[in-house]
Full PDB file with SEQRES, HELIX, SHEET, SSBOND, CRYST1, ORIGX, SCALE, CONECT and MASTER records, all heavy atoms in Angstrom:
SEQRES   1 A   36  GLU PRO PHE ASP ILE THR ARG ALA PRO VAL THR PHE PRO          
SEQRES   2 A   36  VAL ASP ARG PRO THR ARG LEU GLN THR LEU ALA ARG GLY          
SEQRES   3 A   36  ASP GLU GLY TYR LEU LEU ALA LEU GLY TYR                      
HELIX    1 AA1 ARG A   16  ALA A   24  1                                   9    
HELIX    2 AA2 GLU A   28  GLY A   35  1                                   8    
CRYST1    1.000    1.000    1.000  90.00  90.00  90.00 P 1           1          
ORIGX1      1.000000  0.000000  0.000000        0.00000                         
ORIGX2      0.000000  1.000000  0.000000        0.00000                         
ORIGX3      0.000000  0.000000  1.000000        0.00000                         
SCALE1      1.000000  0.000000  0.000000        0.00000                         
SCALE2      0.000000  1.000000  0.000000        0.00000                         
SCALE3      0.000000  0.000000  1.000000        0.00000                         
ATOM      1  N   GLU A   1      -7.738  14.070   6.075  1.00  0.00           N  
ATOM      2  CA  GLU A   1      -6.325  13.884   6.531  1.00  0.00           C  
ATOM      3  C   GLU A   1      -5.555  13.169   5.419  1.00  0.00           C  
ATOM      4  O   GLU A   1      -5.899  12.077   4.976  1.00  0.00           O  
ATOM      5  CB  GLU A   1      -6.381  13.069   7.774  1.00  0.00           C  
ATOM      6  CG  GLU A   1      -5.004  12.853   8.479  1.00  0.00           C  
ATOM      7  CD  GLU A   1      -4.589  14.178   9.149  1.00  0.00           C  
ATOM      8  OE1 GLU A   1      -5.376  15.020   9.446  1.00  0.00           O  
ATOM      9  OE2 GLU A   1      -3.366  14.326   9.509  1.00  0.00           O  
ATOM     10  N   PRO A   2      -4.454  13.760   4.931  1.00  0.00           N  
ATOM     11  CA  PRO A   2      -3.709  13.110   3.867  1.00  0.00           C  
ATOM     12  C   PRO A   2      -3.065  11.853   4.372  1.00  0.00           C  
ATOM     13  O   PRO A   2      -2.784  11.657   5.544  1.00  0.00           O  
ATOM     14  CB  PRO A   2      -2.560  14.143   3.567  1.00  0.00           C  
ATOM     15  CG  PRO A   2      -3.037  15.424   4.231  1.00  0.00           C  
ATOM     16  CD  PRO A   2      -3.956  15.068   5.364  1.00  0.00           C  
ATOM     17  N   PHE A   3      -2.923  10.864   3.482  1.00  0.00           N  
ATOM     18  CA  PHE A   3      -2.214   9.606   3.749  1.00  0.00           C  
ATOM     19  C   PHE A   3      -0.762   9.861   4.048  1.00  0.00           C  
ATOM     20  O   PHE A   3      -0.159  10.713   3.302  1.00  0.00           O  
ATOM     21  CB  PHE A   3      -2.447   8.681   2.622  1.00  0.00           C  
ATOM     22  CG  PHE A   3      -1.743   7.297   2.804  1.00  0.00           C  
ATOM     23  CD1 PHE A   3      -2.446   6.361   3.404  1.00  0.00           C  
ATOM     24  CD2 PHE A   3      -0.447   7.096   2.243  1.00  0.00           C  
ATOM     25  CE1 PHE A   3      -1.837   5.072   3.636  1.00  0.00           C  
ATOM     26  CE2 PHE A   3       0.154   5.833   2.358  1.00  0.00           C  
ATOM     27  CZ  PHE A   3      -0.582   4.782   3.064  1.00  0.00           C  
ATOM     28  N   ASP A   4      -0.140   9.293   4.965  1.00  0.00           N  
ATOM     29  CA  ASP A   4       1.210   9.500   5.329  1.00  0.00           C  
ATOM     30  C   ASP A   4       2.051   8.340   4.920  1.00  0.00           C  
ATOM     31  O   ASP A   4       1.973   7.198   5.457  1.00  0.00           O  
ATOM     32  CB  ASP A   4       1.347   9.708   6.843  1.00  0.00           C  
ATOM     33  CG  ASP A   4       2.755  10.110   7.271  1.00  0.00           C  
ATOM     34  OD1 ASP A   4       3.716   9.906   6.374  1.00  0.00           O  
ATOM     35  OD2 ASP A   4       2.940  10.608   8.372  1.00  0.00           O  
ATOM     36  N   ILE A   5       2.865   8.480   3.843  1.00  0.00           N  
ATOM     37  CA  ILE A   5       3.616   7.397   3.273  1.00  0.00           C  
ATOM     38  C   ILE A   5       4.706   6.889   4.198  1.00  0.00           C  
ATOM     39  O   ILE A   5       5.244   5.805   4.013  1.00  0.00           O  
ATOM     40  CB  ILE A   5       4.216   7.659   1.885  1.00  0.00           C  
ATOM     41  CG1 ILE A   5       5.218   8.759   2.008  1.00  0.00           C  
ATOM     42  CG2 ILE A   5       3.139   8.080   0.923  1.00  0.00           C  
ATOM     43  CD1 ILE A   5       6.002   9.050   0.758  1.00  0.00           C  
ATOM     44  N   THR A   6       5.067   7.666   5.210  1.00  0.00           N  
ATOM     45  CA  THR A   6       6.131   7.329   6.169  1.00  0.00           C  
ATOM     46  C   THR A   6       5.513   6.420   7.257  1.00  0.00           C  
ATOM     47  O   THR A   6       6.381   5.909   8.057  1.00  0.00           O  
ATOM     48  CB  THR A   6       6.883   8.487   6.779  1.00  0.00           C  
ATOM     49  OG1 THR A   6       5.878   9.246   7.632  1.00  0.00           O  
ATOM     50  CG2 THR A   6       7.312   9.471   5.661  1.00  0.00           C  
ATOM     51  N   ARG A   7       4.286   6.221   7.378  1.00  0.00           N  
ATOM     52  CA  ARG A   7       3.700   5.496   8.430  1.00  0.00           C  
ATOM     53  C   ARG A   7       2.920   4.272   8.062  1.00  0.00           C  
ATOM     54  O   ARG A   7       2.590   3.467   8.915  1.00  0.00           O  
ATOM     55  CB  ARG A   7       2.841   6.426   9.327  1.00  0.00           C  
ATOM     56  CG  ARG A   7       3.434   7.662   9.770  1.00  0.00           C  
ATOM     57  CD  ARG A   7       2.627   8.520  10.689  1.00  0.00           C  
ATOM     58  NE  ARG A   7       2.613   8.008  12.005  1.00  0.00           N  
ATOM     59  CZ  ARG A   7       2.024   8.620  13.013  1.00  0.00           C  
ATOM     60  NH1 ARG A   7       1.299   9.779  12.857  1.00  0.00           N  
ATOM     61  NH2 ARG A   7       2.039   8.073  14.231  1.00  0.00           N  
ATOM     62  N   ALA A   8       2.640   4.193   6.761  1.00  0.00           N  
ATOM     63  CA  ALA A   8       1.828   3.050   6.273  1.00  0.00           C  
ATOM     64  C   ALA A   8       2.317   2.734   4.837  1.00  0.00           C  
ATOM     65  O   ALA A   8       2.692   3.652   4.099  1.00  0.00           O  
ATOM     66  CB  ALA A   8       0.415   3.311   6.289  1.00  0.00           C  
ATOM     67  N   PRO A   9       2.302   1.430   4.385  1.00  0.00           N  
ATOM     68  CA  PRO A   9       2.631   1.103   3.074  1.00  0.00           C  
ATOM     69  C   PRO A   9       1.618   1.655   2.021  1.00  0.00           C  
ATOM     70  O   PRO A   9       0.496   1.766   2.366  1.00  0.00           O  
ATOM     71  CB  PRO A   9       2.695  -0.408   3.045  1.00  0.00           C  
ATOM     72  CG  PRO A   9       1.771  -0.724   4.182  1.00  0.00           C  
ATOM     73  CD  PRO A   9       1.927   0.275   5.171  1.00  0.00           C  
ATOM     74  N   VAL A  10       2.196   2.005   0.874  1.00  0.00           N  
ATOM     75  CA  VAL A  10       1.298   2.573  -0.169  1.00  0.00           C  
ATOM     76  C   VAL A  10       0.668   1.470  -0.913  1.00  0.00           C  
ATOM     77  O   VAL A  10       1.294   0.447  -1.273  1.00  0.00           O  
ATOM     78  CB  VAL A  10       2.198   3.446  -1.169  1.00  0.00           C  
ATOM     79  CG1 VAL A  10       1.354   3.846  -2.356  1.00  0.00           C  
ATOM     80  CG2 VAL A  10       2.794   4.589  -0.443  1.00  0.00           C  
ATOM     81  N   THR A  11      -0.620   1.601  -1.203  1.00  0.00           N  
ATOM     82  CA  THR A  11      -1.379   0.599  -1.979  1.00  0.00           C  
ATOM     83  C   THR A  11      -1.976   1.377  -3.132  1.00  0.00           C  
ATOM     84  O   THR A  11      -2.271   2.522  -3.163  1.00  0.00           O  
ATOM     85  CB  THR A  11      -2.540  -0.031  -1.221  1.00  0.00           C  
ATOM     86  OG1 THR A  11      -3.386   0.936  -0.642  1.00  0.00           O  
ATOM     87  CG2 THR A  11      -1.969  -0.882  -0.038  1.00  0.00           C  
ATOM     88  N   PHE A  12      -2.136   0.698  -4.227  1.00  0.00           N  
ATOM     89  CA  PHE A  12      -2.540   1.390  -5.489  1.00  0.00           C  
ATOM     90  C   PHE A  12      -4.009   0.986  -5.803  1.00  0.00           C  
ATOM     91  O   PHE A  12      -4.480  -0.101  -5.450  1.00  0.00           O  
ATOM     92  CB  PHE A  12      -1.719   0.885  -6.635  1.00  0.00           C  
ATOM     93  CG  PHE A  12      -0.267   1.344  -6.511  1.00  0.00           C  
ATOM     94  CD1 PHE A  12       0.668   0.524  -5.961  1.00  0.00           C  
ATOM     95  CD2 PHE A  12       0.130   2.676  -6.863  1.00  0.00           C  
ATOM     96  CE1 PHE A  12       2.081   0.870  -5.827  1.00  0.00           C  
ATOM     97  CE2 PHE A  12       1.384   3.107  -6.705  1.00  0.00           C  
ATOM     98  CZ  PHE A  12       2.339   2.161  -6.196  1.00  0.00           C  
ATOM     99  N   PRO A  13      -4.767   1.973  -6.541  1.00  0.00           N  
ATOM    100  CA  PRO A  13      -4.317   3.211  -6.887  1.00  0.00           C  
ATOM    101  C   PRO A  13      -4.203   4.266  -5.736  1.00  0.00           C  
ATOM    102  O   PRO A  13      -4.685   4.008  -4.644  1.00  0.00           O  
ATOM    103  CB  PRO A  13      -5.431   3.743  -7.867  1.00  0.00           C  
ATOM    104  CG  PRO A  13      -6.677   3.013  -7.352  1.00  0.00           C  
ATOM    105  CD  PRO A  13      -6.209   1.644  -6.879  1.00  0.00           C  
ATOM    106  N   VAL A  14      -3.454   5.369  -6.013  1.00  0.00           N  
ATOM    107  CA  VAL A  14      -3.245   6.346  -4.968  1.00  0.00           C  
ATOM    108  C   VAL A  14      -3.931   7.578  -5.243  1.00  0.00           C  
ATOM    109  O   VAL A  14      -4.215   7.894  -6.461  1.00  0.00           O  
ATOM    110  CB  VAL A  14      -1.768   6.618  -4.711  1.00  0.00           C  
ATOM    111  CG1 VAL A  14      -1.031   5.342  -4.379  1.00  0.00           C  
ATOM    112  CG2 VAL A  14      -1.150   7.218  -5.995  1.00  0.00           C  
ATOM    113  N   ASP A  15      -4.131   8.436  -4.266  1.00  0.00           N  
ATOM    114  CA  ASP A  15      -4.697   9.788  -4.533  1.00  0.00           C  
ATOM    115  C   ASP A  15      -3.541  10.772  -4.758  1.00  0.00           C  
ATOM    116  O   ASP A  15      -2.319  10.446  -4.638  1.00  0.00           O  
ATOM    117  CB  ASP A  15      -5.571  10.212  -3.329  1.00  0.00           C  
ATOM    118  CG  ASP A  15      -4.863  10.219  -1.998  1.00  0.00           C  
ATOM    119  OD1 ASP A  15      -3.599  10.089  -1.946  1.00  0.00           O  
ATOM    120  OD2 ASP A  15      -5.547  10.421  -0.995  1.00  0.00           O  
ATOM    121  N   ARG A  16      -3.891  12.051  -5.068  1.00  0.00           N  
ATOM    122  CA  ARG A  16      -2.891  12.989  -5.387  1.00  0.00           C  
ATOM    123  C   ARG A  16      -1.941  13.367  -4.222  1.00  0.00           C  
ATOM    124  O   ARG A  16      -0.664  13.398  -4.460  1.00  0.00           O  
ATOM    125  CB  ARG A  16      -3.519  14.254  -5.887  1.00  0.00           C  
ATOM    126  CG  ARG A  16      -2.513  15.211  -6.565  1.00  0.00           C  
ATOM    127  CD  ARG A  16      -3.236  16.259  -7.372  1.00  0.00           C  
ATOM    128  NE  ARG A  16      -2.323  17.101  -8.105  1.00  0.00           N  
ATOM    129  CZ  ARG A  16      -2.035  18.373  -7.867  1.00  0.00           C  
ATOM    130  NH1 ARG A  16      -2.558  18.947  -6.820  1.00  0.00           N  
ATOM    131  NH2 ARG A  16      -1.132  19.009  -8.605  1.00  0.00           N  
ATOM    132  N   PRO A  17      -2.393  13.516  -3.031  1.00  0.00           N  
ATOM    133  CA  PRO A  17      -1.407  13.796  -1.919  1.00  0.00           C  
ATOM    134  C   PRO A  17      -0.400  12.638  -1.776  1.00  0.00           C  
ATOM    135  O   PRO A  17       0.854  12.943  -1.541  1.00  0.00           O  
ATOM    136  CB  PRO A  17      -2.361  13.885  -0.646  1.00  0.00           C  
ATOM    137  CG  PRO A  17      -3.647  14.346  -1.278  1.00  0.00           C  
ATOM    138  CD  PRO A  17      -3.704  13.657  -2.498  1.00  0.00           C  
ATOM    139  N   THR A  18      -0.880  11.423  -1.839  1.00  0.00           N  
ATOM    140  CA  THR A  18       0.074  10.301  -1.778  1.00  0.00           C  
ATOM    141  C   THR A  18       1.071  10.273  -2.862  1.00  0.00           C  
ATOM    142  O   THR A  18       2.241  10.010  -2.688  1.00  0.00           O  
ATOM    143  CB  THR A  18      -0.717   8.978  -1.762  1.00  0.00           C  
ATOM    144  OG1 THR A  18      -1.651   9.039  -0.704  1.00  0.00           O  
ATOM    145  CG2 THR A  18       0.249   7.776  -1.568  1.00  0.00           C  
ATOM    146  N   ARG A  19       0.598  10.620  -4.120  1.00  0.00           N  
ATOM    147  CA  ARG A  19       1.473  10.661  -5.284  1.00  0.00           C  
ATOM    148  C   ARG A  19       2.449  11.718  -5.155  1.00  0.00           C  
ATOM    149  O   ARG A  19       3.681  11.529  -5.416  1.00  0.00           O  
ATOM    150  CB  ARG A  19       0.609  10.840  -6.540  1.00  0.00           C  
ATOM    151  CG  ARG A  19       1.412  10.904  -7.801  1.00  0.00           C  
ATOM    152  CD  ARG A  19       0.494  10.904  -8.988  1.00  0.00           C  
ATOM    153  NE  ARG A  19      -0.331  12.075  -9.116  1.00  0.00           N  
ATOM    154  CZ  ARG A  19      -1.592  12.103  -9.303  1.00  0.00           C  
ATOM    155  NH1 ARG A  19      -2.386  10.992  -9.309  1.00  0.00           N  
ATOM    156  NH2 ARG A  19      -2.249  13.286  -9.445  1.00  0.00           N  
ATOM    157  N   LEU A  20       2.144  12.963  -4.664  1.00  0.00           N  
ATOM    158  CA  LEU A  20       3.046  14.075  -4.455  1.00  0.00           C  
ATOM    159  C   LEU A  20       4.096  13.711  -3.421  1.00  0.00           C  
ATOM    160  O   LEU A  20       5.290  14.025  -3.569  1.00  0.00           O  
ATOM    161  CB  LEU A  20       2.305  15.306  -4.168  1.00  0.00           C  
ATOM    162  CG  LEU A  20       1.485  15.878  -5.402  1.00  0.00           C  
ATOM    163  CD1 LEU A  20       0.681  17.045  -4.916  1.00  0.00           C  
ATOM    164  CD2 LEU A  20       2.418  16.329  -6.493  1.00  0.00           C  
ATOM    165  N   GLN A  21       3.583  13.143  -2.293  1.00  0.00           N  
ATOM    166  CA  GLN A  21       4.583  12.792  -1.228  1.00  0.00           C  
ATOM    167  C   GLN A  21       5.638  11.795  -1.775  1.00  0.00           C  
ATOM    168  O   GLN A  21       6.875  11.998  -1.458  1.00  0.00           O  
ATOM    169  CB  GLN A  21       3.881  12.106  -0.133  1.00  0.00           C  
ATOM    170  CG  GLN A  21       3.005  12.980   0.794  1.00  0.00           C  
ATOM    171  CD  GLN A  21       2.352  12.168   1.891  1.00  0.00           C  
ATOM    172  OE1 GLN A  21       2.993  11.624   2.700  1.00  0.00           O  
ATOM    173  NE2 GLN A  21       1.021  12.044   1.751  1.00  0.00           N  
ATOM    174  N   THR A  22       5.266  10.791  -2.511  1.00  0.00           N  
ATOM    175  CA  THR A  22       6.165   9.800  -3.002  1.00  0.00           C  
ATOM    176  C   THR A  22       7.087  10.420  -3.977  1.00  0.00           C  
ATOM    177  O   THR A  22       8.334  10.167  -3.925  1.00  0.00           O  
ATOM    178  CB  THR A  22       5.366   8.642  -3.655  1.00  0.00           C  
ATOM    179  OG1 THR A  22       4.374   8.202  -2.760  1.00  0.00           O  
ATOM    180  CG2 THR A  22       6.316   7.522  -4.035  1.00  0.00           C  
ATOM    181  N   LEU A  23       6.669  11.280  -4.867  1.00  0.00           N  
ATOM    182  CA  LEU A  23       7.531  11.928  -5.898  1.00  0.00           C  
ATOM    183  C   LEU A  23       8.476  12.847  -5.144  1.00  0.00           C  
ATOM    184  O   LEU A  23       9.664  13.009  -5.615  1.00  0.00           O  
ATOM    185  CB  LEU A  23       6.711  12.607  -6.888  1.00  0.00           C  
ATOM    186  CG  LEU A  23       5.867  11.750  -7.812  1.00  0.00           C  
ATOM    187  CD1 LEU A  23       5.018  12.658  -8.731  1.00  0.00           C  
ATOM    188  CD2 LEU A  23       6.696  10.902  -8.678  1.00  0.00           C  
ATOM    189  N   ALA A  24       8.019  13.566  -4.114  1.00  0.00           N  
ATOM    190  CA  ALA A  24       8.832  14.604  -3.479  1.00  0.00           C  
ATOM    191  C   ALA A  24      10.122  13.983  -2.809  1.00  0.00           C  
ATOM    192  O   ALA A  24      11.095  14.632  -2.761  1.00  0.00           O  
ATOM    193  CB  ALA A  24       8.072  15.321  -2.410  1.00  0.00           C  
ATOM    194  N   ARG A  25      10.073  12.729  -2.380  1.00  0.00           N  
ATOM    195  CA  ARG A  25      11.300  12.124  -1.839  1.00  0.00           C  
ATOM    196  C   ARG A  25      11.875  11.065  -2.805  1.00  0.00           C  
ATOM    197  O   ARG A  25      12.662  10.241  -2.328  1.00  0.00           O  
ATOM    198  CB  ARG A  25      10.937  11.575  -0.444  1.00  0.00           C  
ATOM    199  CG  ARG A  25      10.126  10.352  -0.336  1.00  0.00           C  
ATOM    200  CD  ARG A  25      10.177   9.900   1.087  1.00  0.00           C  
ATOM    201  NE  ARG A  25       9.684   8.540   1.288  1.00  0.00           N  
ATOM    202  CZ  ARG A  25       9.783   7.880   2.485  1.00  0.00           C  
ATOM    203  NH1 ARG A  25      10.336   8.407   3.484  1.00  0.00           N  
ATOM    204  NH2 ARG A  25       9.310   6.649   2.542  1.00  0.00           N  
ATOM    205  N   GLY A  26      11.364  11.048  -4.048  1.00  0.00           N  
ATOM    206  CA  GLY A  26      11.847  10.047  -5.001  1.00  0.00           C  
ATOM    207  C   GLY A  26      13.226  10.516  -5.426  1.00  0.00           C  
ATOM    208  O   GLY A  26      13.692  11.636  -5.323  1.00  0.00           O  
ATOM    209  N   ASP A  27      13.959   9.593  -6.126  1.00  0.00           N  
ATOM    210  CA  ASP A  27      15.307   9.825  -6.578  1.00  0.00           C  
ATOM    211  C   ASP A  27      15.326  10.881  -7.673  1.00  0.00           C  
ATOM    212  O   ASP A  27      14.554  10.676  -8.646  1.00  0.00           O  
ATOM    213  CB  ASP A  27      15.928   8.601  -7.024  1.00  0.00           C  
ATOM    214  CG  ASP A  27      17.359   8.668  -7.466  1.00  0.00           C  
ATOM    215  OD1 ASP A  27      18.230   8.807  -6.603  1.00  0.00           O  
ATOM    216  OD2 ASP A  27      17.540   8.744  -8.752  1.00  0.00           O  
ATOM    217  N   GLU A  28      16.184  11.872  -7.594  1.00  0.00           N  
ATOM    218  CA  GLU A  28      16.264  12.930  -8.544  1.00  0.00           C  
ATOM    219  C   GLU A  28      16.543  12.409  -9.964  1.00  0.00           C  
ATOM    220  O   GLU A  28      15.961  12.744 -10.945  1.00  0.00           O  
ATOM    221  CB  GLU A  28      17.245  14.010  -8.164  1.00  0.00           C  
ATOM    222  CG  GLU A  28      17.376  15.111  -9.111  1.00  0.00           C  
ATOM    223  CD  GLU A  28      18.404  16.229  -8.685  1.00  0.00           C  
ATOM    224  OE1 GLU A  28      18.312  16.546  -7.488  1.00  0.00           O  
ATOM    225  OE2 GLU A  28      19.198  16.619  -9.516  1.00  0.00           O  
ATOM    226  N   GLY A  29      17.530  11.533 -10.069  1.00  0.00           N  
ATOM    227  CA  GLY A  29      17.973  11.021 -11.355  1.00  0.00           C  
ATOM    228  C   GLY A  29      16.908  10.224 -12.024  1.00  0.00           C  
ATOM    229  O   GLY A  29      16.610  10.305 -13.217  1.00  0.00           O  
ATOM    230  N   TYR A  30      16.241   9.378 -11.228  1.00  0.00           N  
ATOM    231  CA  TYR A  30      15.136   8.610 -11.786  1.00  0.00           C  
ATOM    232  C   TYR A  30      13.968   9.443 -12.329  1.00  0.00           C  
ATOM    233  O   TYR A  30      13.545   9.267 -13.425  1.00  0.00           O  
ATOM    234  CB  TYR A  30      14.589   7.663 -10.677  1.00  0.00           C  
ATOM    235  CG  TYR A  30      13.406   6.811 -10.917  1.00  0.00           C  
ATOM    236  CD1 TYR A  30      13.555   5.621 -11.582  1.00  0.00           C  
ATOM    237  CD2 TYR A  30      12.133   7.255 -10.607  1.00  0.00           C  
ATOM    238  CE1 TYR A  30      12.495   4.827 -11.861  1.00  0.00           C  
ATOM    239  CE2 TYR A  30      11.018   6.514 -10.974  1.00  0.00           C  
ATOM    240  CZ  TYR A  30      11.137   5.262 -11.555  1.00  0.00           C  
ATOM    241  OH  TYR A  30      10.098   4.460 -11.755  1.00  0.00           O  
ATOM    242  N   LEU A  31      13.585  10.456 -11.527  1.00  0.00           N  
ATOM    243  CA  LEU A  31      12.481  11.346 -11.931  1.00  0.00           C  
ATOM    244  C   LEU A  31      12.950  12.198 -13.128  1.00  0.00           C  
ATOM    245  O   LEU A  31      12.134  12.510 -14.018  1.00  0.00           O  
ATOM    246  CB  LEU A  31      12.075  12.260 -10.773  1.00  0.00           C  
ATOM    247  CG  LEU A  31      11.436  11.515  -9.640  1.00  0.00           C  
ATOM    248  CD1 LEU A  31      11.006  12.499  -8.553  1.00  0.00           C  
ATOM    249  CD2 LEU A  31      10.163  10.747 -10.143  1.00  0.00           C  
ATOM    250  N   LEU A  32      14.210  12.555 -13.148  1.00  0.00           N  
ATOM    251  CA  LEU A  32      14.657  13.388 -14.272  1.00  0.00           C  
ATOM    252  C   LEU A  32      14.648  12.557 -15.537  1.00  0.00           C  
ATOM    253  O   LEU A  32      14.244  13.088 -16.646  1.00  0.00           O  
ATOM    254  CB  LEU A  32      16.194  13.789 -14.005  1.00  0.00           C  
ATOM    255  CG  LEU A  32      16.884  14.607 -15.112  1.00  0.00           C  
ATOM    256  CD1 LEU A  32      16.220  16.005 -15.298  1.00  0.00           C  
ATOM    257  CD2 LEU A  32      18.361  14.729 -14.719  1.00  0.00           C  
ATOM    258  N   ALA A  33      15.035  11.265 -15.485  1.00  0.00           N  
ATOM    259  CA  ALA A  33      14.966  10.451 -16.720  1.00  0.00           C  
ATOM    260  C   ALA A  33      13.507  10.324 -17.227  1.00  0.00           C  
ATOM    261  O   ALA A  33      13.163  10.397 -18.395  1.00  0.00           O  
ATOM    262  CB  ALA A  33      15.574   9.100 -16.427  1.00  0.00           C  
ATOM    263  N   LEU A  34      12.589  10.042 -16.215  1.00  0.00           N  
ATOM    264  CA  LEU A  34      11.144   9.901 -16.676  1.00  0.00           C  
ATOM    265  C   LEU A  34      10.618  11.205 -17.183  1.00  0.00           C  
ATOM    266  O   LEU A  34       9.793  11.251 -18.137  1.00  0.00           O  
ATOM    267  CB  LEU A  34      10.386   9.472 -15.455  1.00  0.00           C  
ATOM    268  CG  LEU A  34      10.464   7.987 -15.001  1.00  0.00           C  
ATOM    269  CD1 LEU A  34       9.786   7.695 -13.751  1.00  0.00           C  
ATOM    270  CD2 LEU A  34      10.033   7.018 -16.082  1.00  0.00           C  
ATOM    271  N   GLY A  35      10.950  12.346 -16.533  1.00  0.00           N  
ATOM    272  CA  GLY A  35      10.490  13.619 -17.027  1.00  0.00           C  
ATOM    273  C   GLY A  35      11.057  13.962 -18.413  1.00  0.00           C  
ATOM    274  O   GLY A  35      10.304  14.378 -19.257  1.00  0.00           O  
ATOM    275  N   TYR A  36      12.246  13.585 -18.651  1.00  0.00           N  
ATOM    276  CA  TYR A  36      12.859  13.718 -19.988  1.00  0.00           C  
ATOM    277  C   TYR A  36      12.159  12.875 -21.043  1.00  0.00           C  
ATOM    278  O   TYR A  36      11.872  13.319 -22.114  1.00  0.00           O  
ATOM    279  CB  TYR A  36      14.292  13.335 -19.892  1.00  0.00           C  
ATOM    280  CG  TYR A  36      15.095  13.412 -21.227  1.00  0.00           C  
ATOM    281  CD1 TYR A  36      14.989  14.488 -22.031  1.00  0.00           C  
ATOM    282  CD2 TYR A  36      15.946  12.354 -21.577  1.00  0.00           C  
ATOM    283  CE1 TYR A  36      15.680  14.516 -23.274  1.00  0.00           C  
ATOM    284  CE2 TYR A  36      16.681  12.385 -22.685  1.00  0.00           C  
ATOM    285  CZ  TYR A  36      16.533  13.455 -23.606  1.00  0.00           C  
ATOM    286  OH  TYR A  36      17.258  13.484 -24.772  1.00  0.00           O  
TER     287      TYR A  36                                                      
MASTER        0    0    0    2    0    0    0    6  286    1    0    3          
END                                                                             
C-alpha cells in the first residue's frame, strides 16, 4: 500500500511512491528551477 502524503507527515528517507506524490503536487516554478 503506497504511503499517502495527504494523511500522514513525510519522514526521511522516502520511497519512490512518496517522492513522486510530493513532486506531483510541488510548485511548478520551484521544480522548474531545480530541473534547469
